Amino acid sequence: MADSSTSSTSQSNSKKTLLFRFRAKIENQNIQLVANLRNLHQHTIKLSIKNLQRKQSNNTQEKMAARNQTKDLKCATHLLSDKFRNMTEEKKAIVRDLGFGGLMHIPPLRVHHQLLRELANNFKLGENRLETGYGSFKITPRKIGHALGINATGNLFPQKVEYKKLSEDDKIIFRRF
């Protein structure tokens, strides 16, 4: 009997150990599956949130683009004035020959942001019209050229410079533009 009790105990112990180990494997797999499902679920939630935010930002950008025709409202004539002031006389002569001498006389203004915004919002890009409280008028490149004293008729570079006489370095620079 002692032998049978020890053998049954050893059998029951071995059965318990086998069952316990078998359960542990199942539990670990279940835990891993649950963890993987949670990670996938969290990942899909994060992706859906990102997609929703992206859609909302795209909708907002489309609405804003319809209202605001221009985004860049910077007017930095002082930078242009500084460039011309620091130029050598030789370079200034070239600029004058090309028909852009009027740019040298633009005063270094700092235009208020509200004025720029009003001008930009009242300018209709497709029609090249500026609408004011007193009416509207068409703006052409020729009018801009007359107002600023610059060339607005086209590219004068080929007329003023012969490409064949340029050095190789100057030809490379010319091709970039």
N, C-alpha and C. Protein backbone atom coordinates (compact mmCIF):
# COMPACT_ATOMS: atom_id res chain seq x y z
N MET A 1 0.79 -1.18 0.00
CA MET A 1 0.00 0.00 0.00
C MET A 1 0.83 1.24 0.00
N ALA A 2 1.90 1.12 0.73
CA ALA A 2 2.80 2.25 0.76
C ALA A 2 3.32 2.52 -0.62
N ASP A 3 3.60 1.39 -1.30
CA ASP A 3 4.09 1.57 -2.66
C ASP A 3 3.03 2.20 -3.55
N SER A 4 1.79 1.75 -3.39
CA SER A 4 0.75 2.27 -4.25
C SER A 4 0.44 3.72 -3.93
N SER A 5 0.52 4.10 -2.63
CA SER A 5 0.25 5.48 -2.27
C SER A 5 1.35 6.40 -2.80
N THR A 6 2.60 5.90 -2.70
CA THR A 6 3.68 6.72 -3.23
C THR A 6 3.60 6.80 -4.74
N SER A 7 3.22 5.67 -5.35
CA SER A 7 3.12 5.71 -6.80
C SER A 7 1.95 6.60 -7.23
N SER A 8 0.84 6.57 -6.50
CA SER A 8 -0.29 7.43 -6.86
C SER A 8 0.05 8.89 -6.59
N THR A 9 0.82 9.12 -5.52
CA THR A 9 1.22 10.48 -5.22
C THR A 9 2.16 10.99 -6.30
N SER A 10 3.09 10.12 -6.68
CA SER A 10 4.02 10.55 -7.72
C SER A 10 3.28 10.74 -9.04
N GLN A 11 2.27 9.86 -9.28
CA GLN A 11 1.49 10.03 -10.50
C GLN A 11 0.66 11.31 -10.44
N SER A 12 0.05 11.53 -9.28
CA SER A 12 -0.77 12.73 -9.16
C SER A 12 0.10 13.98 -9.20
N ASN A 13 1.31 13.87 -8.60
CA ASN A 13 2.23 15.00 -8.67
C ASN A 13 2.64 15.26 -10.11
N SER A 14 2.95 14.17 -10.81
CA SER A 14 3.37 14.35 -12.19
C SER A 14 2.20 14.86 -13.03
N LYS A 15 1.00 14.38 -12.73
CA LYS A 15 -0.17 14.89 -13.46
C LYS A 15 -0.36 16.37 -13.17
N LYS A 16 -0.23 16.76 -11.92
CA LYS A 16 -0.41 18.16 -11.56
C LYS A 16 0.64 19.02 -12.26
N THR A 17 1.87 18.52 -12.26
CA THR A 17 2.92 19.29 -12.90
C THR A 17 2.66 19.40 -14.40
N LEU A 18 2.26 18.31 -15.00
CA LEU A 18 1.97 18.36 -16.42
C LEU A 18 0.79 19.30 -16.68
N LEU A 19 -0.25 19.16 -15.88
CA LEU A 19 -1.40 20.04 -16.07
C LEU A 19 -1.01 21.49 -15.83
N PHE A 20 -0.24 21.73 -14.82
CA PHE A 20 0.17 23.11 -14.50
C PHE A 20 1.00 23.70 -15.64
N ARG A 21 1.96 22.90 -16.12
CA ARG A 21 2.78 23.37 -17.23
C ARG A 21 1.93 23.59 -18.48
N PHE A 22 1.01 22.70 -18.73
CA PHE A 22 0.15 22.83 -19.89
C PHE A 22 -0.73 24.07 -19.76
N ARG A 23 -1.25 24.30 -18.58
CA ARG A 23 -2.06 25.49 -18.33
C ARG A 23 -1.22 26.75 -18.49
N ALA A 24 -0.02 26.70 -18.01
CA ALA A 24 0.84 27.88 -18.10
C ALA A 24 1.08 28.25 -19.56
N LYS A 25 1.29 27.23 -20.38
CA LYS A 25 1.49 27.51 -21.80
C LYS A 25 0.24 28.13 -22.41
N ILE A 26 -0.89 27.61 -22.09
CA ILE A 26 -2.13 28.16 -22.63
C ILE A 26 -2.33 29.57 -22.11
N GLU A 27 -2.12 29.76 -20.82
CA GLU A 27 -2.31 31.08 -20.25
C GLU A 27 -1.34 32.08 -20.87
N ASN A 28 -0.09 31.67 -21.05
CA ASN A 28 0.88 32.57 -21.68
C ASN A 28 0.45 32.93 -23.10
N GLN A 29 -0.02 31.90 -23.82
CA GLN A 29 -0.47 32.18 -25.18
C GLN A 29 -1.68 33.11 -25.17
N ASN A 30 -2.61 32.85 -24.24
CA ASN A 30 -3.77 33.72 -24.15
C ASN A 30 -3.35 35.14 -23.81
N ILE A 31 -2.44 35.26 -22.88
CA ILE A 31 -1.96 36.59 -22.48
C ILE A 31 -1.29 37.27 -23.67
N GLN A 32 -0.46 36.50 -24.38
CA GLN A 32 0.20 37.09 -25.54
C GLN A 32 -0.80 37.48 -26.61
N LEU A 33 -1.82 36.63 -26.84
CA LEU A 33 -2.84 36.98 -27.82
C LEU A 33 -3.61 38.22 -27.40
N VAL A 34 -3.97 38.28 -26.13
CA VAL A 34 -4.69 39.45 -25.64
C VAL A 34 -3.82 40.69 -25.77
N ALA A 35 -2.54 40.56 -25.40
CA ALA A 35 -1.64 41.70 -25.51
C ALA A 35 -1.49 42.13 -26.97
N ASN A 36 -1.35 41.15 -27.88
CA ASN A 36 -1.24 41.49 -29.30
C ASN A 36 -2.52 42.14 -29.81
N LEU A 37 -3.67 41.60 -29.40
CA LEU A 37 -4.93 42.21 -29.81
C LEU A 37 -5.06 43.62 -29.28
N ARG A 38 -4.67 43.83 -28.03
CA ARG A 38 -4.73 45.18 -27.47
C ARG A 38 -3.81 46.12 -28.23
N ASN A 39 -2.58 45.65 -28.52
CA ASN A 39 -1.65 46.50 -29.27
C ASN A 39 -2.21 46.83 -30.65
N LEU A 40 -2.77 45.81 -31.33
CA LEU A 40 -3.35 46.06 -32.65
C LEU A 40 -4.52 47.01 -32.55
N HIS A 41 -5.36 46.81 -31.53
CA HIS A 41 -6.52 47.67 -31.34
C HIS A 41 -6.08 49.11 -31.06
N GLN A 42 -5.08 49.26 -30.18
CA GLN A 42 -4.58 50.60 -29.87
C GLN A 42 -3.95 51.22 -31.12
N HIS A 43 -3.24 50.41 -31.88
CA HIS A 43 -2.61 50.90 -33.11
C HIS A 43 -3.67 51.38 -34.10
N THR A 44 -4.75 50.58 -34.25
CA THR A 44 -5.81 50.99 -35.17
C THR A 44 -6.51 52.24 -34.66
N ILE A 45 -6.67 52.35 -33.35
CA ILE A 45 -7.28 53.56 -32.79
C ILE A 45 -6.39 54.76 -33.09
N LYS A 46 -5.08 54.60 -32.87
CA LYS A 46 -4.16 55.71 -33.15
C LYS A 46 -4.21 56.09 -34.63
N LEU A 47 -4.23 55.07 -35.51
CA LEU A 47 -4.29 55.36 -36.94
C LEU A 47 -5.59 56.07 -37.31
N SER A 48 -6.69 55.64 -36.72
CA SER A 48 -7.96 56.29 -37.07
C SER A 48 -7.99 57.72 -36.54
N ILE A 49 -7.39 57.96 -35.37
CA ILE A 49 -7.32 59.33 -34.85
C ILE A 49 -6.46 60.20 -35.75
N LYS A 50 -5.31 59.66 -36.19
CA LYS A 50 -4.44 60.42 -37.09
C LYS A 50 -5.15 60.73 -38.40
N ASN A 51 -5.86 59.73 -38.95
CA ASN A 51 -6.59 59.96 -40.21
C ASN A 51 -7.66 61.01 -40.03
N LEU A 52 -8.36 60.97 -38.90
CA LEU A 52 -9.40 61.96 -38.64
C LEU A 52 -8.79 63.36 -38.53
N GLN A 53 -7.67 63.46 -37.81
CA GLN A 53 -7.00 64.76 -37.68
C GLN A 53 -6.53 65.25 -39.04
N ARG A 54 -6.00 64.35 -39.86
CA ARG A 54 -5.52 64.72 -41.18
C ARG A 54 -6.69 65.22 -42.05
N LYS A 55 -7.83 64.51 -41.98
CA LYS A 55 -9.00 64.94 -42.75
C LYS A 55 -9.48 66.30 -42.28
N GLN A 56 -9.50 66.49 -40.95
CA GLN A 56 -9.96 67.77 -40.42
C GLN A 56 -9.03 68.89 -40.84
N SER A 57 -7.71 68.65 -40.79
CA SER A 57 -6.77 69.70 -41.18
C SER A 57 -6.88 69.98 -42.68
N ASN A 58 -7.09 68.94 -43.50
CA ASN A 58 -7.27 69.16 -44.94
C ASN A 58 -8.53 69.97 -45.21
N ASN A 59 -9.61 69.64 -44.50
CA ASN A 59 -10.85 70.40 -44.68
C ASN A 59 -10.64 71.85 -44.28
N THR A 60 -9.95 72.07 -43.17
CA THR A 60 -9.70 73.43 -42.71
C THR A 60 -8.84 74.18 -43.72
N GLN A 61 -7.80 73.53 -44.24
CA GLN A 61 -6.93 74.18 -45.21
C GLN A 61 -7.70 74.52 -46.48
N GLU A 62 -8.60 73.63 -46.92
CA GLU A 62 -9.38 73.92 -48.12
C GLU A 62 -10.30 75.10 -47.90
N LYS A 63 -10.93 75.16 -46.73
CA LYS A 63 -11.82 76.28 -46.43
C LYS A 63 -11.04 77.58 -46.35
N MET A 64 -9.87 77.53 -45.70
CA MET A 64 -9.05 78.73 -45.56
C MET A 64 -8.51 79.17 -46.92
N ALA A 65 -8.17 78.23 -47.77
CA ALA A 65 -7.64 78.58 -49.09
C ALA A 65 -8.70 79.28 -49.92
N ALA A 66 -9.95 78.90 -49.72
CA ALA A 66 -11.02 79.57 -50.46
C ALA A 66 -11.20 81.00 -49.98
N ARG A 67 -11.02 81.22 -48.67
CA ARG A 67 -11.19 82.57 -48.13
C ARG A 67 -9.96 83.43 -48.38
N ASN A 68 -8.79 82.89 -48.11
CA ASN A 68 -7.55 83.65 -48.25
C ASN A 68 -6.89 83.28 -49.57
N GLN A 69 -6.73 84.25 -50.44
CA GLN A 69 -6.14 83.97 -51.74
C GLN A 69 -4.63 83.86 -51.65
N THR A 70 -4.03 84.62 -50.76
CA THR A 70 -2.58 84.59 -50.63
C THR A 70 -2.22 84.27 -49.20
N LYS A 71 -1.06 83.68 -49.03
CA LYS A 71 -0.62 83.34 -47.69
C LYS A 71 0.58 84.17 -47.27
N ASP A 72 1.40 84.56 -48.23
CA ASP A 72 2.62 85.29 -47.91
C ASP A 72 2.35 86.78 -47.97
N LEU A 73 2.27 87.43 -46.82
CA LEU A 73 1.96 88.86 -46.78
C LEU A 73 3.15 89.65 -46.28
N LYS A 74 4.34 89.26 -46.68
CA LYS A 74 5.53 89.97 -46.22
C LYS A 74 5.93 91.01 -47.26
N CYS A 75 6.24 92.18 -46.79
CA CYS A 75 6.71 93.25 -47.67
C CYS A 75 7.98 93.79 -47.03
N ALA A 76 9.12 93.42 -47.57
CA ALA A 76 10.39 93.80 -46.97
C ALA A 76 11.20 94.62 -47.96
N THR A 77 10.72 95.83 -48.25
CA THR A 77 11.45 96.67 -49.20
C THR A 77 12.76 97.15 -48.61
N HIS A 78 12.87 97.13 -47.28
CA HIS A 78 14.13 97.54 -46.66
C HIS A 78 15.25 96.57 -47.01
N LEU A 79 14.92 95.28 -47.20
CA LEU A 79 15.94 94.31 -47.61
C LEU A 79 16.42 94.60 -49.03
N LEU A 80 15.49 94.95 -49.90
CA LEU A 80 15.84 95.30 -51.28
C LEU A 80 16.71 96.55 -51.31
N SER A 81 16.34 97.53 -50.50
CA SER A 81 17.11 98.77 -50.42
C SER A 81 18.53 98.51 -49.92
N ASP A 82 18.65 97.64 -48.91
CA ASP A 82 19.98 97.29 -48.39
C ASP A 82 20.84 96.62 -49.45
N LYS A 83 20.24 95.72 -50.24
CA LYS A 83 20.99 95.02 -51.30
C LYS A 83 21.55 96.02 -52.31
N PHE A 84 20.72 96.96 -52.75
CA PHE A 84 21.18 97.93 -53.74
C PHE A 84 22.19 98.90 -53.15
N ARG A 85 22.04 99.24 -51.88
CA ARG A 85 22.99 100.16 -51.25
C ARG A 85 24.38 99.52 -51.15
N ASN A 86 24.43 98.21 -50.91
CA ASN A 86 25.71 97.51 -50.75
C ASN A 86 26.31 97.04 -52.07
N MET A 87 25.63 97.25 -53.20
CA MET A 87 26.14 96.82 -54.50
C MET A 87 27.23 97.76 -54.99
N THR A 88 28.13 97.19 -55.78
CA THR A 88 29.16 98.02 -56.40
C THR A 88 28.53 98.79 -57.57
N GLU A 89 29.20 99.86 -57.99
CA GLU A 89 28.69 100.67 -59.10
C GLU A 89 28.61 99.87 -60.40
N GLU A 90 29.54 98.95 -60.57
CA GLU A 90 29.53 98.11 -61.77
C GLU A 90 28.26 97.27 -61.84
N LYS A 91 27.89 96.66 -60.71
CA LYS A 91 26.67 95.84 -60.68
C LYS A 91 25.42 96.70 -60.82
N LYS A 92 25.45 97.91 -60.25
CA LYS A 92 24.31 98.81 -60.39
C LYS A 92 24.10 99.20 -61.85
N ALA A 93 25.21 99.39 -62.59
CA ALA A 93 25.12 99.73 -64.01
C ALA A 93 24.48 98.58 -64.79
N ILE A 94 24.83 97.35 -64.45
CA ILE A 94 24.24 96.19 -65.12
C ILE A 94 22.74 96.13 -64.86
N VAL A 95 22.34 96.39 -63.61
CA VAL A 95 20.92 96.38 -63.25
C VAL A 95 20.17 97.45 -64.03
N ARG A 96 20.77 98.63 -64.15
CA ARG A 96 20.14 99.71 -64.92
C ARG A 96 20.00 99.34 -66.39
N ASP A 97 21.06 98.71 -66.96
CA ASP A 97 21.02 98.30 -68.37
C ASP A 97 19.92 97.28 -68.64
N LEU A 98 19.66 96.42 -67.67
CA LEU A 98 18.62 95.40 -67.84
C LEU A 98 17.21 95.97 -67.67
N GLY A 99 17.12 97.22 -67.22
CA GLY A 99 15.82 97.86 -67.10
C GLY A 99 15.21 97.80 -65.72
N PHE A 100 16.00 97.44 -64.72
CA PHE A 100 15.49 97.36 -63.35
C PHE A 100 16.06 98.45 -62.46
N GLY A 101 16.45 99.56 -63.04
CA GLY A 101 17.02 100.66 -62.26
C GLY A 101 16.02 101.29 -61.31
N GLY A 102 14.74 101.19 -61.64
CA GLY A 102 13.71 101.76 -60.77
C GLY A 102 13.64 101.10 -59.41
N LEU A 103 14.07 99.85 -59.33
CA LEU A 103 14.06 99.15 -58.04
C LEU A 103 15.03 99.78 -57.04
N MET A 104 16.04 100.47 -57.54
CA MET A 104 17.02 101.09 -56.65
C MET A 104 16.42 102.26 -55.89
N HIS A 105 15.33 102.81 -56.38
CA HIS A 105 14.76 104.01 -55.78
C HIS A 105 13.56 103.71 -54.88
N ILE A 106 13.26 102.42 -54.67
CA ILE A 106 12.16 102.08 -53.77
C ILE A 106 12.61 102.35 -52.34
N PRO A 107 11.86 103.14 -51.59
CA PRO A 107 12.29 103.47 -50.23
C PRO A 107 12.16 102.27 -49.30
N PRO A 108 12.99 102.23 -48.27
CA PRO A 108 12.93 101.10 -47.32
C PRO A 108 11.71 101.22 -46.40
N LEU A 109 10.58 100.76 -46.87
CA LEU A 109 9.33 100.85 -46.11
C LEU A 109 9.13 99.61 -45.24
N ARG A 110 8.38 99.82 -44.19
CA ARG A 110 7.89 98.70 -43.40
C ARG A 110 6.37 98.82 -43.41
N VAL A 111 5.74 98.06 -44.30
CA VAL A 111 4.30 98.17 -44.51
C VAL A 111 3.57 97.39 -43.42
N HIS A 112 2.53 98.02 -42.85
CA HIS A 112 1.79 97.40 -41.77
C HIS A 112 1.05 96.15 -42.27
N HIS A 113 1.00 95.14 -41.43
CA HIS A 113 0.43 93.85 -41.81
C HIS A 113 -1.06 93.96 -42.17
N GLN A 114 -1.79 94.81 -41.46
CA GLN A 114 -3.23 94.95 -41.75
C GLN A 114 -3.47 95.54 -43.14
N LEU A 115 -2.63 96.48 -43.54
CA LEU A 115 -2.76 97.05 -44.89
C LEU A 115 -2.47 95.99 -45.95
N LEU A 116 -1.43 95.20 -45.73
CA LEU A 116 -1.11 94.14 -46.68
C LEU A 116 -2.25 93.13 -46.77
N ARG A 117 -2.83 92.79 -45.62
CA ARG A 117 -3.92 91.82 -45.62
C ARG A 117 -5.13 92.37 -46.39
N GLU A 118 -5.45 93.64 -46.18
CA GLU A 118 -6.57 94.25 -46.91
C GLU A 118 -6.32 94.26 -48.41
N LEU A 119 -5.11 94.64 -48.80
CA LEU A 119 -4.78 94.64 -50.23
C LEU A 119 -4.86 93.24 -50.82
N ALA A 120 -4.31 92.26 -50.09
CA ALA A 120 -4.30 90.89 -50.60
C ALA A 120 -5.72 90.32 -50.69
N ASN A 121 -6.56 90.62 -49.72
CA ASN A 121 -7.93 90.09 -49.74
C ASN A 121 -8.79 90.77 -50.78
N ASN A 122 -8.49 92.01 -51.13
CA ASN A 122 -9.29 92.73 -52.13
C ASN A 122 -8.77 92.56 -53.55
N PHE A 123 -7.63 91.91 -53.71
CA PHE A 123 -7.08 91.68 -55.05
C PHE A 123 -7.59 90.35 -55.57
N LYS A 124 -8.22 90.36 -56.72
CA LYS A 124 -8.76 89.14 -57.33
C LYS A 124 -7.74 88.61 -58.33
N LEU A 125 -7.17 87.45 -57.99
CA LEU A 125 -6.07 86.92 -58.80
C LEU A 125 -6.48 86.57 -60.22
N GLY A 126 -7.59 85.91 -60.41
CA GLY A 126 -7.99 85.47 -61.75
C GLY A 126 -8.26 86.63 -62.69
N GLU A 127 -8.73 87.75 -62.14
CA GLU A 127 -9.10 88.89 -62.98
C GLU A 127 -8.04 89.99 -62.99
N ASN A 128 -7.03 89.88 -62.13
CA ASN A 128 -6.02 90.93 -61.95
C ASN A 128 -6.68 92.27 -61.63
N ARG A 129 -7.63 92.24 -60.71
CA ARG A 129 -8.36 93.44 -60.31
C ARG A 129 -8.16 93.70 -58.83
N LEU A 130 -8.08 94.99 -58.50
CA LEU A 130 -8.05 95.42 -57.11
C LEU A 130 -9.35 96.15 -56.84
N GLU A 131 -10.13 95.58 -55.93
CA GLU A 131 -11.43 96.18 -55.60
C GLU A 131 -11.27 97.06 -54.37
N THR A 132 -11.72 98.29 -54.48
CA THR A 132 -11.66 99.24 -53.36
C THR A 132 -13.07 99.70 -53.03
N GLY A 133 -13.20 100.52 -52.03
CA GLY A 133 -14.50 101.06 -51.67
C GLY A 133 -15.04 102.01 -52.72
N TYR A 134 -14.18 102.53 -53.56
CA TYR A 134 -14.59 103.50 -54.59
C TYR A 134 -14.78 102.85 -55.96
N GLY A 135 -14.54 101.59 -56.08
CA GLY A 135 -14.65 100.91 -57.36
C GLY A 135 -13.52 99.90 -57.51
N SER A 136 -13.30 99.44 -58.72
CA SER A 136 -12.21 98.49 -58.95
C SER A 136 -11.45 98.92 -60.20
N PHE A 137 -10.20 98.53 -60.26
CA PHE A 137 -9.41 98.81 -61.45
C PHE A 137 -8.50 97.65 -61.75
N LYS A 138 -8.23 97.48 -63.04
CA LYS A 138 -7.41 96.37 -63.51
C LYS A 138 -5.94 96.73 -63.37
N ILE A 139 -5.16 95.76 -62.92
CA ILE A 139 -3.72 95.97 -62.76
C ILE A 139 -3.01 95.10 -63.79
N THR A 140 -2.20 95.74 -64.62
CA THR A 140 -1.45 95.03 -65.65
C THR A 140 0.04 95.13 -65.35
N PRO A 141 0.84 94.24 -65.93
CA PRO A 141 2.29 94.35 -65.73
C PRO A 141 2.84 95.70 -66.19
N ARG A 142 2.24 96.26 -67.23
CA ARG A 142 2.71 97.56 -67.72
C ARG A 142 2.48 98.65 -66.67
N LYS A 143 1.32 98.63 -65.99
CA LYS A 143 1.03 99.62 -64.95
C LYS A 143 1.99 99.46 -63.77
N ILE A 144 2.29 98.22 -63.42
CA ILE A 144 3.25 97.98 -62.33
C ILE A 144 4.61 98.50 -62.74
N GLY A 145 5.00 98.25 -63.98
CA GLY A 145 6.29 98.73 -64.48
C GLY A 145 6.38 100.24 -64.46
N HIS A 146 5.31 100.93 -64.86
CA HIS A 146 5.31 102.39 -64.84
C HIS A 146 5.35 102.93 -63.41
N ALA A 147 4.62 102.28 -62.52
CA ALA A 147 4.57 102.75 -61.13
C ALA A 147 5.91 102.59 -60.43
N LEU A 148 6.59 101.47 -60.68
CA LEU A 148 7.86 101.21 -60.01
C LEU A 148 9.07 101.64 -60.83
N GLY A 149 8.86 101.94 -62.08
CA GLY A 149 9.97 102.33 -62.93
C GLY A 149 10.86 101.17 -63.30
N ILE A 150 10.25 100.01 -63.52
CA ILE A 150 11.04 98.82 -63.88
C ILE A 150 10.54 98.27 -65.20
N ASN A 151 11.31 97.35 -65.76
CA ASN A 151 10.95 96.69 -67.00
C ASN A 151 9.86 95.67 -66.72
N ALA A 152 8.76 95.80 -67.41
CA ALA A 152 7.68 94.83 -67.26
C ALA A 152 7.28 94.25 -68.61
N THR A 153 8.15 94.40 -69.60
CA THR A 153 7.81 93.95 -70.95
C THR A 153 8.38 92.58 -71.27
N GLY A 154 9.26 92.06 -70.48
CA GLY A 154 9.83 90.75 -70.76
C GLY A 154 11.28 90.68 -70.37
N ASN A 155 11.95 89.65 -70.85
CA ASN A 155 13.34 89.38 -70.52
C ASN A 155 14.25 90.15 -71.48
N LEU A 156 14.99 91.11 -70.95
CA LEU A 156 15.91 91.90 -71.77
C LEU A 156 17.33 91.33 -71.78
N PHE A 157 17.58 90.28 -71.02
CA PHE A 157 18.93 89.75 -70.90
C PHE A 157 19.51 89.31 -72.24
N PRO A 158 18.78 88.54 -73.06
CA PRO A 158 19.37 88.13 -74.34
C PRO A 158 19.68 89.30 -75.27
N GLN A 159 18.94 90.41 -75.14
CA GLN A 159 19.20 91.57 -75.98
C GLN A 159 20.45 92.31 -75.52
N LYS A 160 20.72 92.31 -74.23
CA LYS A 160 21.82 93.09 -73.67
C LYS A 160 23.14 92.32 -73.62
N VAL A 161 23.07 90.98 -73.55
CA VAL A 161 24.28 90.18 -73.38
C VAL A 161 24.35 89.13 -74.48
N GLU A 162 25.53 88.98 -75.05
CA GLU A 162 25.72 87.95 -76.07
C GLU A 162 26.20 86.67 -75.38
N TYR A 163 25.45 85.61 -75.57
CA TYR A 163 25.73 84.34 -74.89
C TYR A 163 27.09 83.77 -75.31
N LYS A 164 27.48 83.95 -76.56
CA LYS A 164 28.73 83.38 -77.06
C LYS A 164 29.95 84.02 -76.41
N LYS A 165 29.81 85.26 -75.96
CA LYS A 165 30.95 85.97 -75.36
C LYS A 165 31.09 85.70 -73.86
N LEU A 166 30.15 84.99 -73.28
CA LEU A 166 30.22 84.71 -71.84
C LEU A 166 31.29 83.67 -71.55
N SER A 167 31.89 83.74 -70.37
CA SER A 167 32.84 82.71 -69.96
C SER A 167 32.06 81.44 -69.60
N GLU A 168 32.78 80.34 -69.41
CA GLU A 168 32.13 79.06 -69.10
C GLU A 168 31.38 79.14 -67.77
N ASP A 169 31.96 79.81 -66.78
CA ASP A 169 31.29 79.94 -65.48
C ASP A 169 30.00 80.75 -65.62
N ASP A 170 30.06 81.82 -66.40
CA ASP A 170 28.86 82.65 -66.61
C ASP A 170 27.79 81.89 -67.39
N LYS A 171 28.23 81.04 -68.32
CA LYS A 171 27.26 80.24 -69.08
C LYS A 171 26.53 79.26 -68.17
N ILE A 172 27.26 78.68 -67.22
CA ILE A 172 26.64 77.76 -66.26
C ILE A 172 25.61 78.50 -65.42
N ILE A 173 25.97 79.70 -64.97
CA ILE A 173 25.03 80.50 -64.18
C ILE A 173 23.82 80.87 -65.02
N PHE A 174 24.04 81.24 -66.28
CA PHE A 174 22.95 81.62 -67.17
C PHE A 174 21.98 80.45 -67.39
N ARG A 175 22.52 79.23 -67.53
CA ARG A 175 21.67 78.05 -67.76
C ARG A 175 20.82 77.72 -66.55
N ARG A 176 21.29 78.07 -65.35
CA ARG A 176 20.51 77.78 -64.14
C ARG A 176 19.21 78.58 -64.11
N PHE A 177 19.23 79.73 -64.73
CA PHE A 177 18.03 80.58 -64.72
C PHE A 177 17.25 80.36 -65.97
